[in-house]
Amino acid sequence: MQGRQRDVTARSPDNGRRGRMATSRIALLLIAMSFAFLACAADKAQKVPDDSEIEQFLSANAWCSFSFNKNTGSSRKERVVFDSNGVVSKTSGAESYHSNRAGTVAGQSANADEGRWRVHGATLHLSRDGVNWEPQQVQVSFNSNGSPILKSDGKEYARCQ
């Protein structure tokens, strides 16, 4: 399955405006990409997983992303958890460093977001309020070991260790 991809397309719940959903766009797409992984696996097996199988897959692992910019010395990490009760939470943090003749300045930030997720009809839906649900656009590929690599907005996510 190395190199296989699947795209699932849906409209943004806020018609492109940022900030409407409590969870960030990355967290929302990460959830949706996890579903796409199952869909790709189903292609190979010729069986579409049912809703409970997809839910079990999503809630079995936390998903993490890390990036580092060697030019600026800044880094960013994210961790997304899909609880079996339908709550999705994302924690993120960033660090930055700047040095010049006057010295070095370091900065840190941390954020947490939460939303709702569900699978209905083998389609992942996300909501800020638990009332208005929207499907998500996603993409997934697999590394050489067959583990899913979830991609969104130029970021890659893998199962947290």
N, C-alpha and C. Protein backbone atom coordinates (compact mmCIF):
# COMPACT_ATOMS: atom_id res chain seq x y z
N MET A 1 0.81 -1.19 0.00
CA MET A 1 0.00 0.00 0.00
C MET A 1 0.86 1.26 0.00
N GLN A 2 2.16 1.12 -0.04
CA GLN A 2 3.06 2.26 -0.04
C GLN A 2 2.75 3.15 -1.23
N GLY A 3 2.65 4.45 -0.97
CA GLY A 3 2.44 5.40 -2.04
C GLY A 3 0.99 5.61 -2.43
N ARG A 4 0.05 4.88 -1.86
CA ARG A 4 -1.36 5.06 -2.21
C ARG A 4 -1.91 6.27 -1.49
N GLN A 5 -2.85 6.93 -2.13
CA GLN A 5 -3.48 8.10 -1.54
C GLN A 5 -4.96 8.04 -1.81
N ARG A 6 -5.72 8.71 -0.97
CA ARG A 6 -7.14 8.86 -1.19
C ARG A 6 -7.52 10.27 -0.78
N ASP A 7 -8.32 10.94 -1.58
CA ASP A 7 -8.83 12.27 -1.27
C ASP A 7 -10.32 12.17 -1.02
N VAL A 8 -10.78 12.86 0.01
CA VAL A 8 -12.20 12.98 0.30
C VAL A 8 -12.47 14.47 0.36
N THR A 9 -13.47 14.95 -0.38
CA THR A 9 -13.68 16.38 -0.50
C THR A 9 -15.02 16.78 0.11
N ALA A 10 -15.02 17.94 0.78
CA ALA A 10 -16.24 18.51 1.33
C ALA A 10 -16.05 20.01 1.43
N ARG A 11 -17.16 20.74 1.54
CA ARG A 11 -17.07 22.18 1.71
C ARG A 11 -16.72 22.53 3.14
N SER A 12 -16.02 23.63 3.31
CA SER A 12 -15.70 24.13 4.64
C SER A 12 -16.99 24.58 5.33
N PRO A 13 -17.17 24.30 6.63
CA PRO A 13 -18.39 24.69 7.31
C PRO A 13 -18.56 26.20 7.40
N ASP A 14 -17.51 26.97 7.25
CA ASP A 14 -17.61 28.42 7.34
C ASP A 14 -17.28 29.11 6.02
N ASN A 15 -17.42 28.36 4.91
CA ASN A 15 -17.16 28.89 3.58
C ASN A 15 -15.81 29.57 3.48
N GLY A 16 -14.79 29.00 4.12
CA GLY A 16 -13.44 29.49 3.97
C GLY A 16 -12.98 30.45 5.06
N ARG A 17 -13.88 30.96 5.87
CA ARG A 17 -13.45 31.86 6.95
C ARG A 17 -12.84 31.03 8.06
N ARG A 18 -11.75 31.51 8.61
CA ARG A 18 -11.04 30.80 9.68
C ARG A 18 -11.64 31.15 11.04
N GLY A 19 -11.47 30.23 11.98
CA GLY A 19 -11.78 30.53 13.36
C GLY A 19 -13.17 30.18 13.82
N ARG A 20 -14.04 29.62 12.97
CA ARG A 20 -15.39 29.32 13.41
C ARG A 20 -15.46 28.10 14.29
N MET A 21 -14.66 27.12 14.01
CA MET A 21 -14.71 25.89 14.79
C MET A 21 -13.70 25.99 15.93
N ALA A 22 -14.07 25.41 17.08
CA ALA A 22 -13.18 25.49 18.25
C ALA A 22 -11.87 24.78 17.98
N THR A 23 -11.92 23.70 17.27
CA THR A 23 -10.67 23.02 16.93
C THR A 23 -10.08 23.68 15.72
N SER A 24 -8.80 23.67 15.62
CA SER A 24 -8.14 24.31 14.48
C SER A 24 -8.37 23.51 13.21
N ARG A 25 -8.14 24.14 12.09
CA ARG A 25 -8.28 23.46 10.80
C ARG A 25 -7.40 22.22 10.74
N ILE A 26 -6.21 22.31 11.31
CA ILE A 26 -5.30 21.17 11.30
C ILE A 26 -5.89 20.02 12.08
N ALA A 27 -6.39 20.28 13.25
CA ALA A 27 -6.95 19.20 14.06
C ALA A 27 -8.14 18.56 13.36
N LEU A 28 -8.97 19.38 12.76
CA LEU A 28 -10.15 18.86 12.07
C LEU A 28 -9.74 18.00 10.88
N LEU A 29 -8.79 18.48 10.11
CA LEU A 29 -8.36 17.71 8.96
C LEU A 29 -7.61 16.45 9.37
N LEU A 30 -6.92 16.53 10.48
CA LEU A 30 -6.22 15.35 10.96
C LEU A 30 -7.21 14.23 11.27
N ILE A 31 -8.29 14.57 11.89
CA ILE A 31 -9.32 13.58 12.19
C ILE A 31 -9.83 12.97 10.89
N ALA A 32 -10.13 13.83 9.95
CA ALA A 32 -10.65 13.35 8.68
C ALA A 32 -9.63 12.49 7.95
N MET A 33 -8.36 12.83 8.06
CA MET A 33 -7.33 12.05 7.39
C MET A 33 -7.23 10.65 8.00
N SER A 34 -7.48 10.54 9.28
CA SER A 34 -7.47 9.23 9.92
C SER A 34 -8.54 8.34 9.28
N PHE A 35 -9.69 8.94 9.00
CA PHE A 35 -10.75 8.20 8.32
C PHE A 35 -10.29 7.78 6.93
N ALA A 36 -9.60 8.66 6.23
CA ALA A 36 -9.14 8.34 4.88
C ALA A 36 -8.18 7.16 4.89
N PHE A 37 -7.37 7.04 5.94
CA PHE A 37 -6.48 5.89 6.08
C PHE A 37 -7.30 4.60 6.05
N LEU A 38 -8.40 4.58 6.80
CA LEU A 38 -9.24 3.39 6.82
C LEU A 38 -9.84 3.12 5.45
N ALA A 39 -10.21 4.17 4.75
CA ALA A 39 -10.78 3.99 3.42
C ALA A 39 -9.75 3.39 2.47
N CYS A 40 -8.49 3.83 2.56
CA CYS A 40 -7.43 3.26 1.71
C CYS A 40 -7.21 1.80 2.06
N ALA A 41 -7.20 1.48 3.34
CA ALA A 41 -7.03 0.10 3.76
C ALA A 41 -8.20 -0.74 3.25
N ALA A 42 -9.38 -0.16 3.25
CA ALA A 42 -10.55 -0.88 2.78
C ALA A 42 -10.45 -1.17 1.28
N ASP A 43 -9.86 -0.25 0.52
CA ASP A 43 -9.66 -0.48 -0.92
C ASP A 43 -8.90 -1.78 -1.15
N LYS A 44 -7.86 -1.99 -0.38
CA LYS A 44 -7.04 -3.18 -0.57
C LYS A 44 -7.82 -4.44 -0.18
N ALA A 45 -8.58 -4.35 0.90
CA ALA A 45 -9.32 -5.49 1.39
C ALA A 45 -10.67 -5.67 0.68
N GLN A 46 -11.07 -4.69 -0.14
CA GLN A 46 -12.35 -4.72 -0.83
C GLN A 46 -13.52 -4.75 0.14
N LYS A 47 -13.33 -4.21 1.33
CA LYS A 47 -14.39 -4.12 2.32
C LYS A 47 -14.35 -2.74 2.94
N VAL A 48 -15.47 -2.05 2.94
CA VAL A 48 -15.54 -0.74 3.58
C VAL A 48 -15.76 -0.96 5.07
N PRO A 49 -14.91 -0.37 5.91
CA PRO A 49 -15.10 -0.55 7.35
C PRO A 49 -16.41 0.08 7.79
N ASP A 50 -17.05 -0.52 8.78
CA ASP A 50 -18.29 0.08 9.27
C ASP A 50 -17.95 1.21 10.24
N ASP A 51 -18.97 1.95 10.64
CA ASP A 51 -18.76 3.13 11.47
C ASP A 51 -18.01 2.80 12.76
N SER A 52 -18.35 1.71 13.41
CA SER A 52 -17.70 1.38 14.68
C SER A 52 -16.23 1.04 14.49
N GLU A 53 -15.86 0.41 13.37
CA GLU A 53 -14.45 0.13 13.08
C GLU A 53 -13.67 1.42 12.88
N ILE A 54 -14.26 2.36 12.18
CA ILE A 54 -13.61 3.65 11.95
C ILE A 54 -13.45 4.39 13.28
N GLU A 55 -14.50 4.40 14.09
CA GLU A 55 -14.43 5.06 15.39
C GLU A 55 -13.35 4.43 16.27
N GLN A 56 -13.27 3.11 16.25
CA GLN A 56 -12.26 2.42 17.05
C GLN A 56 -10.85 2.80 16.59
N PHE A 57 -10.64 2.85 15.28
CA PHE A 57 -9.34 3.25 14.75
C PHE A 57 -8.97 4.67 15.19
N LEU A 58 -9.91 5.58 15.07
CA LEU A 58 -9.64 6.98 15.41
C LEU A 58 -9.29 7.15 16.89
N SER A 59 -9.97 6.43 17.75
CA SER A 59 -9.77 6.61 19.19
C SER A 59 -8.67 5.72 19.77
N ALA A 60 -8.08 4.85 18.96
CA ALA A 60 -7.06 3.93 19.47
C ALA A 60 -5.71 4.60 19.71
N ASN A 61 -5.43 5.70 19.01
CA ASN A 61 -4.13 6.36 19.11
C ASN A 61 -4.29 7.86 19.15
N ALA A 62 -3.32 8.51 19.77
CA ALA A 62 -3.18 9.96 19.62
C ALA A 62 -2.33 10.18 18.38
N TRP A 63 -2.47 11.33 17.73
CA TRP A 63 -1.76 11.65 16.50
C TRP A 63 -0.92 12.88 16.72
N CYS A 64 0.36 12.82 16.31
CA CYS A 64 1.30 13.90 16.60
C CYS A 64 1.98 14.45 15.34
N SER A 65 2.32 15.73 15.42
CA SER A 65 3.06 16.40 14.37
C SER A 65 4.17 17.21 15.03
N PHE A 66 5.32 17.28 14.37
CA PHE A 66 6.44 18.08 14.86
C PHE A 66 7.12 18.74 13.68
N SER A 67 7.47 19.99 13.83
CA SER A 67 8.24 20.67 12.79
C SER A 67 9.33 21.52 13.44
N PHE A 68 10.43 21.66 12.73
CA PHE A 68 11.56 22.45 13.21
C PHE A 68 12.14 23.23 12.04
N ASN A 69 12.37 24.50 12.26
CA ASN A 69 12.97 25.35 11.24
C ASN A 69 14.42 25.62 11.65
N LYS A 70 15.36 25.02 10.93
CA LYS A 70 16.77 25.17 11.30
C LYS A 70 17.29 26.58 11.08
N ASN A 71 16.65 27.34 10.21
CA ASN A 71 17.09 28.72 9.96
C ASN A 71 16.71 29.66 11.10
N THR A 72 15.53 29.46 11.66
CA THR A 72 15.06 30.35 12.73
C THR A 72 15.19 29.72 14.11
N GLY A 73 15.36 28.41 14.17
CA GLY A 73 15.44 27.73 15.46
C GLY A 73 14.08 27.54 16.12
N SER A 74 13.00 27.76 15.39
CA SER A 74 11.68 27.60 15.97
C SER A 74 11.15 26.19 15.73
N SER A 75 10.32 25.74 16.66
CA SER A 75 9.72 24.42 16.52
C SER A 75 8.25 24.49 16.92
N ARG A 76 7.49 23.53 16.43
CA ARG A 76 6.06 23.46 16.73
C ARG A 76 5.67 22.00 16.86
N LYS A 77 4.85 21.69 17.86
CA LYS A 77 4.36 20.33 18.03
C LYS A 77 2.86 20.37 18.27
N GLU A 78 2.18 19.33 17.81
CA GLU A 78 0.73 19.19 18.00
C GLU A 78 0.42 17.75 18.36
N ARG A 79 -0.60 17.58 19.19
CA ARG A 79 -1.08 16.26 19.58
C ARG A 79 -2.60 16.30 19.55
N VAL A 80 -3.19 15.36 18.81
CA VAL A 80 -4.64 15.29 18.68
C VAL A 80 -5.12 13.96 19.23
N VAL A 81 -6.17 14.01 20.06
CA VAL A 81 -6.73 12.81 20.68
C VAL A 81 -8.22 12.75 20.36
N PHE A 82 -8.64 11.59 19.87
CA PHE A 82 -10.05 11.34 19.57
C PHE A 82 -10.62 10.45 20.66
N ASP A 83 -11.37 11.03 21.57
CA ASP A 83 -11.95 10.25 22.66
C ASP A 83 -13.13 9.43 22.15
N SER A 84 -13.31 8.26 22.74
CA SER A 84 -14.42 7.39 22.33
C SER A 84 -15.78 8.01 22.63
N ASN A 85 -15.82 9.05 23.47
CA ASN A 85 -17.08 9.73 23.77
C ASN A 85 -17.43 10.80 22.73
N GLY A 86 -16.64 10.90 21.65
CA GLY A 86 -16.95 11.83 20.57
C GLY A 86 -16.30 13.20 20.70
N VAL A 87 -15.44 13.38 21.71
CA VAL A 87 -14.73 14.65 21.87
C VAL A 87 -13.36 14.52 21.23
N VAL A 88 -12.98 15.51 20.44
CA VAL A 88 -11.64 15.57 19.88
C VAL A 88 -10.94 16.76 20.52
N SER A 89 -9.70 16.53 20.96
CA SER A 89 -8.95 17.62 21.58
C SER A 89 -7.58 17.72 20.94
N LYS A 90 -7.10 18.96 20.85
CA LYS A 90 -5.79 19.21 20.28
C LYS A 90 -5.00 20.10 21.24
N THR A 91 -3.79 19.68 21.52
CA THR A 91 -2.87 20.54 22.27
C THR A 91 -1.70 20.85 21.34
N SER A 92 -1.22 22.07 21.42
CA SER A 92 -0.10 22.45 20.57
C SER A 92 0.82 23.36 21.36
N GLY A 93 2.05 23.40 20.92
CA GLY A 93 3.04 24.26 21.55
C GLY A 93 4.08 24.67 20.54
N ALA A 94 4.70 25.80 20.82
CA ALA A 94 5.75 26.31 19.93
C ALA A 94 6.85 26.92 20.77
N GLU A 95 8.05 26.87 20.24
CA GLU A 95 9.21 27.50 20.86
C GLU A 95 9.97 28.26 19.79
N SER A 96 10.52 29.40 20.17
CA SER A 96 11.32 30.16 19.21
C SER A 96 12.51 30.77 19.93
N TYR A 97 13.58 30.98 19.17
CA TYR A 97 14.81 31.54 19.71
C TYR A 97 15.35 32.57 18.73
N HIS A 98 15.86 33.64 19.25
CA HIS A 98 16.48 34.65 18.40
C HIS A 98 17.73 35.16 19.10
N SER A 99 18.83 35.14 18.39
CA SER A 99 20.10 35.61 18.96
C SER A 99 20.67 36.73 18.11
N ASN A 100 21.27 37.69 18.80
CA ASN A 100 22.04 38.74 18.13
C ASN A 100 23.14 39.20 19.09
N ARG A 101 23.81 40.29 18.79
CA ARG A 101 24.91 40.76 19.64
C ARG A 101 24.44 41.10 21.05
N ALA A 102 23.20 41.47 21.19
CA ALA A 102 22.68 41.86 22.51
C ALA A 102 22.35 40.65 23.38
N GLY A 103 22.22 39.47 22.77
CA GLY A 103 21.90 38.28 23.55
C GLY A 103 20.91 37.39 22.83
N THR A 104 20.32 36.48 23.59
CA THR A 104 19.36 35.52 23.03
C THR A 104 18.01 35.69 23.72
N VAL A 105 16.96 35.65 22.92
CA VAL A 105 15.59 35.73 23.43
C VAL A 105 14.88 34.44 23.06
N ALA A 106 14.21 33.85 24.06
CA ALA A 106 13.45 32.62 23.82
C ALA A 106 11.98 32.89 24.09
N GLY A 107 11.11 32.25 23.32
CA GLY A 107 9.67 32.39 23.52
C GLY A 107 8.99 31.04 23.45
N GLN A 108 7.89 30.92 24.17
CA GLN A 108 7.11 29.68 24.17
C GLN A 108 5.63 30.03 24.13
N SER A 109 4.85 29.12 23.54
CA SER A 109 3.40 29.27 23.56
C SER A 109 2.77 27.89 23.63
N ALA A 110 1.56 27.86 24.16
CA ALA A 110 0.81 26.61 24.25
C ALA A 110 -0.67 26.93 24.04
N ASN A 111 -1.37 26.00 23.37
CA ASN A 111 -2.80 26.16 23.10
C ASN A 111 -3.51 24.84 23.26
N ALA A 112 -4.80 24.90 23.52
CA ALA A 112 -5.63 23.71 23.58
C ALA A 112 -6.98 24.04 22.94
N ASP A 113 -7.48 23.13 22.12
CA ASP A 113 -8.77 23.29 21.45
C ASP A 113 -9.56 22.00 21.61
N GLU A 114 -10.87 22.12 21.48
CA GLU A 114 -11.74 20.95 21.61
C GLU A 114 -12.93 21.09 20.68
N GLY A 115 -13.43 19.97 20.18
CA GLY A 115 -14.60 19.92 19.33
C GLY A 115 -15.24 18.55 19.43
N ARG A 116 -16.16 18.25 18.52
CA ARG A 116 -16.86 16.97 18.51
C ARG A 116 -16.58 16.26 17.19
N TRP A 117 -16.58 14.93 17.21
CA TRP A 117 -16.41 14.13 16.01
C TRP A 117 -17.36 12.94 16.06
N ARG A 118 -17.75 12.48 14.88
CA ARG A 118 -18.55 11.27 14.77
C ARG A 118 -18.36 10.71 13.37
N VAL A 119 -18.69 9.43 13.24
CA VAL A 119 -18.67 8.78 11.94
C VAL A 119 -20.11 8.35 11.66
N HIS A 120 -20.60 8.73 10.50
CA HIS A 120 -21.97 8.38 10.11
C HIS A 120 -21.94 7.98 8.64
N GLY A 121 -22.40 6.78 8.34
CA GLY A 121 -22.40 6.31 6.96
C GLY A 121 -21.00 6.18 6.40
N ALA A 122 -20.05 5.75 7.23
CA ALA A 122 -18.64 5.59 6.86
C ALA A 122 -18.00 6.92 6.45
N THR A 123 -18.58 8.03 6.90
CA THR A 123 -18.04 9.36 6.64
C THR A 123 -17.80 10.08 7.95
N LEU A 124 -16.64 10.67 8.09
CA LEU A 124 -16.30 11.42 9.29
C LEU A 124 -16.93 12.80 9.23
N HIS A 125 -17.56 13.19 10.33
CA HIS A 125 -18.17 14.51 10.45
C HIS A 125 -17.63 15.19 11.69
N LEU A 126 -17.45 16.51 11.62
CA LEU A 126 -16.92 17.30 12.72
C LEU A 126 -17.87 18.43 13.05
N SER A 127 -17.85 18.83 14.33
CA SER A 127 -18.75 19.88 14.78
C SER A 127 -18.11 20.69 15.89
N ARG A 128 -18.42 21.95 15.92
CA ARG A 128 -18.01 22.80 17.03
C ARG A 128 -19.02 22.69 18.17
N ASP A 129 -20.30 22.64 17.80
CA ASP A 129 -21.36 22.71 18.80
C ASP A 129 -22.12 21.41 19.03
N GLY A 130 -21.80 20.36 18.28
CA GLY A 130 -22.52 19.10 18.43
C GLY A 130 -23.85 19.08 17.71
N VAL A 131 -24.19 20.15 17.01
CA VAL A 131 -25.46 20.25 16.28
C VAL A 131 -25.21 20.32 14.78
N ASN A 132 -24.31 21.19 14.36
CA ASN A 132 -23.98 21.38 12.95
C ASN A 132 -22.76 20.54 12.60
N TRP A 133 -22.95 19.54 11.75
CA TRP A 133 -21.90 18.58 11.41
C TRP A 133 -21.49 18.75 9.96
N GLU A 134 -20.19 18.67 9.71
CA GLU A 134 -19.66 18.83 8.36
C GLU A 134 -18.63 17.74 8.06
N PRO A 135 -18.69 17.13 6.85
CA PRO A 135 -17.63 16.21 6.42
C PRO A 135 -16.37 17.00 6.09
N GLN A 136 -15.21 16.32 6.02
CA GLN A 136 -13.94 16.99 5.84
C GLN A 136 -13.18 16.51 4.61
N GLN A 137 -12.34 17.37 4.06
CA GLN A 137 -11.43 17.01 2.97
C GLN A 137 -10.14 16.47 3.58
N VAL A 138 -9.67 15.33 3.07
CA VAL A 138 -8.50 14.68 3.68
C VAL A 138 -7.60 14.04 2.64
N GLN A 139 -6.35 13.73 3.06
CA GLN A 139 -5.40 12.96 2.25
C GLN A 139 -4.52 12.16 3.19
N VAL A 140 -4.16 10.94 2.77
CA VAL A 140 -3.29 10.10 3.60
C VAL A 140 -2.38 9.29 2.69
N SER A 141 -1.17 9.01 3.18
CA SER A 141 -0.26 8.11 2.48
C SER A 141 0.35 7.20 3.54
N PHE A 142 1.21 6.29 3.10
CA PHE A 142 1.82 5.34 4.03
C PHE A 142 3.32 5.37 3.89
N ASN A 143 4.02 5.23 5.02
CA ASN A 143 5.48 5.20 4.95
C ASN A 143 5.94 3.81 4.51
N SER A 144 7.23 3.60 4.45
CA SER A 144 7.76 2.33 3.95
C SER A 144 7.44 1.15 4.87
N ASN A 145 7.08 1.43 6.11
CA ASN A 145 6.68 0.36 7.03
C ASN A 145 5.18 0.09 6.99
N GLY A 146 4.45 0.85 6.18
CA GLY A 146 3.01 0.67 6.09
C GLY A 146 2.22 1.47 7.11
N SER A 147 2.89 2.30 7.90
CA SER A 147 2.19 3.13 8.88
C SER A 147 1.60 4.35 8.19
N PRO A 148 0.41 4.78 8.64
CA PRO A 148 -0.21 5.94 8.00
C PRO A 148 0.53 7.22 8.32
N ILE A 149 0.69 8.04 7.31
CA ILE A 149 1.20 9.40 7.45
C ILE A 149 0.08 10.31 6.98
N LEU A 150 -0.45 11.07 7.90
CA LEU A 150 -1.58 11.94 7.62
C LEU A 150 -1.04 13.32 7.23
N LYS A 151 -1.52 13.85 6.11
CA LYS A 151 -1.01 15.12 5.59
C LYS A 151 -2.12 16.15 5.50
N SER A 152 -1.80 17.37 5.96
CA SER A 152 -2.75 18.48 5.87
C SER A 152 -2.00 19.79 5.97
N ASP A 153 -2.33 20.72 5.11
CA ASP A 153 -1.74 22.06 5.16
C ASP A 153 -0.23 22.03 5.23
N GLY A 154 0.39 21.10 4.53
CA GLY A 154 1.84 21.01 4.53
C GLY A 154 2.44 20.37 5.76
N LYS A 155 1.61 19.84 6.64
CA LYS A 155 2.09 19.18 7.86
C LYS A 155 1.82 17.69 7.76
N GLU A 156 2.66 16.91 8.43
CA GLU A 156 2.50 15.46 8.48
C GLU A 156 2.26 15.03 9.92
N TYR A 157 1.37 14.07 10.10
CA TYR A 157 1.05 13.53 11.41
C TYR A 157 1.25 12.02 11.40
N ALA A 158 1.71 11.52 12.51
CA ALA A 158 1.89 10.07 12.68
C ALA A 158 1.33 9.70 14.05
N ARG A 159 1.19 8.41 14.28
CA ARG A 159 0.76 7.96 15.60
C ARG A 159 1.78 8.42 16.63
N CYS A 160 1.30 8.98 17.72
CA CYS A 160 2.20 9.42 18.80
C CYS A 160 2.84 8.19 19.44
N GLN A 161 4.07 8.36 19.86
CA GLN A 161 4.75 7.26 20.54
C GLN A 161 4.65 7.40 22.03
